[in-house]
C-alpha cells in the first residue's frame, strides 16, 4: 500500500513489488536512481544516475520508464505536474520548480528530495 494515500487497484504485474518496479526500470537504465516524469503534454522524462548526471537514453526508453511509474502509482499524483521517483526508496516527490534547489539535481546534491515534497512511498503492494 502507498503510505498516506488511498488503496490502489492492481495495475500491472511488473509493479507488484518495489523491487520489481526498480528492476523493471533497471532493465531500461541499469544505473538510474531517479526518474523525473514531466506532464505528458511536455513529452519528456529524464533519468539520473547517483552522480546527479542525466542519462542519455532514447525517447522510447524514457517513455517506458514513465509509463511504468504512472501505471504503478496511478492515482496518488497529479500527473499534470512534474514528479520525481527515487528508485532506492520507492518514494515519489513533487519536482521542485525551476527556481528552487533540486530542480537541477546537482545544484544541491539532493535531487530536491525534501520531506515537504513527498507525495507517497511505494512499499511494494499495489492494493
Protein backbone atom coordinates (compact mmCIF):
# COMPACT_ATOMS: atom_id res chain seq x y z
CA UNK A 1 0.00 0.00 0.00
CA UNK A 2 1.14 3.57 -0.61
CA UNK A 3 1.74 5.45 2.59
CA UNK A 4 -0.54 8.41 3.08
CA UNK A 5 -2.82 7.55 0.16
CA UNK A 6 -5.93 5.65 -0.76
CA UNK A 7 -5.63 1.96 -1.66
CA UNK A 8 -4.60 1.41 -5.27
CA UNK A 9 -6.11 -1.15 -7.62
CA UNK A 10 -3.73 -3.65 -9.15
CA UNK A 11 -2.35 -2.01 -12.29
CA UNK A 12 0.27 -4.34 -13.66
CA UNK A 13 2.16 -7.41 -12.66
CA UNK A 14 5.61 -5.91 -13.25
CA UNK A 15 4.97 -3.48 -10.41
CA UNK A 16 3.80 -5.91 -7.76
CA UNK A 17 6.77 -5.04 -5.52
CA UNK A 18 9.07 -2.08 -5.14
CA UNK A 19 11.95 -4.35 -6.13
CA UNK A 20 10.24 -5.42 -9.33
CA UNK A 21 9.41 -1.80 -10.21
CA UNK A 22 13.05 -0.88 -9.60
CA UNK A 23 14.14 -3.95 -11.55
CA UNK A 24 11.85 -3.05 -14.44
CA UNK A 25 13.32 0.45 -14.56
CA UNK A 26 16.78 -1.07 -14.09
CA UNK A 27 16.19 -3.13 -17.20
CA UNK A 28 15.70 0.14 -19.06
CA UNK A 29 18.55 2.04 -17.40
CA UNK A 30 20.78 -0.06 -15.15
CA UNK A 31 22.37 2.80 -13.20
CA UNK A 32 19.31 5.05 -12.82
CA UNK A 33 18.41 6.23 -9.32
CA UNK A 34 15.86 8.93 -10.11
CA UNK A 35 13.21 9.25 -12.81
CA UNK A 36 11.80 12.73 -13.41
CA UNK A 37 8.42 12.50 -15.09
CA UNK A 38 7.11 15.65 -16.70
CA UNK A 39 3.46 16.13 -17.68
CA UNK A 40 2.55 14.23 -20.86
CA UNK A 41 1.98 17.48 -22.75
CA UNK A 42 5.67 18.25 -22.32
CA UNK A 43 6.64 14.80 -23.62
CA UNK A 44 9.81 14.50 -21.56
CA UNK A 45 11.19 12.09 -18.98
CA UNK A 46 14.68 12.33 -17.52
CA UNK A 47 16.61 9.59 -15.77
CA UNK A 48 19.52 10.46 -13.49
CA UNK A 49 22.41 8.46 -12.08
CA UNK A 50 23.65 8.68 -8.49
CA UNK A 51 26.27 11.26 -9.53
CA UNK A 52 23.38 13.61 -10.44
CA UNK A 53 24.14 13.36 -14.17
CA UNK A 54 21.30 12.90 -16.60
CA UNK A 55 21.38 9.67 -18.56
CA UNK A 56 21.30 9.76 -22.33
CA UNK A 57 18.56 7.36 -23.44
CA UNK A 58 16.31 7.13 -26.45
CA UNK A 59 12.81 8.55 -26.14
CA UNK A 60 11.16 5.11 -26.16
CA UNK A 61 13.16 4.04 -23.09
CA UNK A 62 12.28 7.25 -21.26
CA UNK A 63 8.59 6.85 -22.09
CA UNK A 64 8.62 3.23 -20.94
CA UNK A 65 10.07 4.19 -17.54
CA UNK A 66 7.46 6.95 -17.13
CA UNK A 67 4.65 4.60 -18.13
CA UNK A 68 5.73 2.00 -15.54
CA UNK A 69 5.70 4.59 -12.77
CA UNK A 70 2.42 6.21 -13.82
CA UNK A 71 0.69 2.81 -14.03
CA UNK A 72 2.05 1.68 -10.68
CA UNK A 73 1.44 4.90 -8.77
CA UNK A 74 -1.60 5.93 -10.80
CA UNK A 75 -3.98 7.91 -8.63
CA UNK A 76 -1.61 9.17 -5.94
CA UNK A 77 -0.21 12.01 -8.03
CA UNK A 78 -1.47 14.83 -10.18
CA UNK A 79 0.39 13.87 -13.35
CA UNK A 80 -0.27 17.33 -14.80
CA UNK A 81 2.69 18.33 -12.61
CA UNK A 82 6.26 17.02 -12.76
CA UNK A 83 7.25 14.30 -10.27
CA UNK A 84 10.46 12.55 -9.24
CA UNK A 85 10.52 8.83 -8.44
CA UNK A 86 13.53 7.86 -6.31
CA UNK A 87 14.27 4.20 -7.00
CA UNK A 88 16.31 3.29 -3.89
CA UNK A 89 13.43 4.08 -1.53
CA UNK A 90 10.35 3.88 -3.75
CA UNK A 91 9.45 7.49 -2.91
CA UNK A 92 7.51 9.79 -5.20
CA UNK A 93 8.15 13.51 -4.85
CA UNK A 94 6.74 16.63 -6.42
CA UNK A 95 9.52 18.02 -8.62
CA UNK A 96 10.98 21.35 -7.47
CA UNK A 97 10.08 24.37 -9.58
CA UNK A 98 12.82 25.65 -11.93
CA UNK A 99 13.79 28.43 -9.48
CA UNK A 100 14.09 26.04 -6.48
CA UNK A 101 17.04 23.96 -5.27
CA UNK A 102 16.94 20.46 -6.65
CA UNK A 103 15.37 21.31 -10.00
CA UNK A 104 18.85 20.99 -11.40
CA UNK A 105 19.83 17.90 -9.38
CA UNK A 106 23.50 18.71 -8.97
CA UNK A 107 22.76 22.18 -7.55
CA UNK A 108 22.14 20.98 -4.02
CA UNK A 109 23.27 17.33 -4.30
CA UNK A 110 19.84 16.15 -3.09
CA UNK A 111 17.71 15.80 -6.25
CA UNK A 112 15.31 18.12 -4.41
CA UNK A 113 14.09 15.18 -2.32
CA UNK A 114 12.81 17.03 0.73
CA UNK A 115 10.10 15.77 3.10
CA UNK A 116 7.83 18.68 2.18
CA UNK A 117 7.70 17.43 -1.43
CA UNK A 118 6.99 13.77 -0.59
CA UNK A 119 3.79 12.52 -2.23
CA UNK A 120 3.88 8.78 -1.47
CA UNK A 121 6.10 5.85 -0.63
CA UNK A 122 5.54 2.73 -2.67
CA UNK A 123 6.01 -0.15 -0.23
CA UNK A 124 5.65 -2.92 -2.78
CA UNK A 125 1.93 -3.60 -2.55
CA UNK A 126 -0.43 -2.50 -5.26
CA UNK A 127 -3.66 -2.98 -3.32
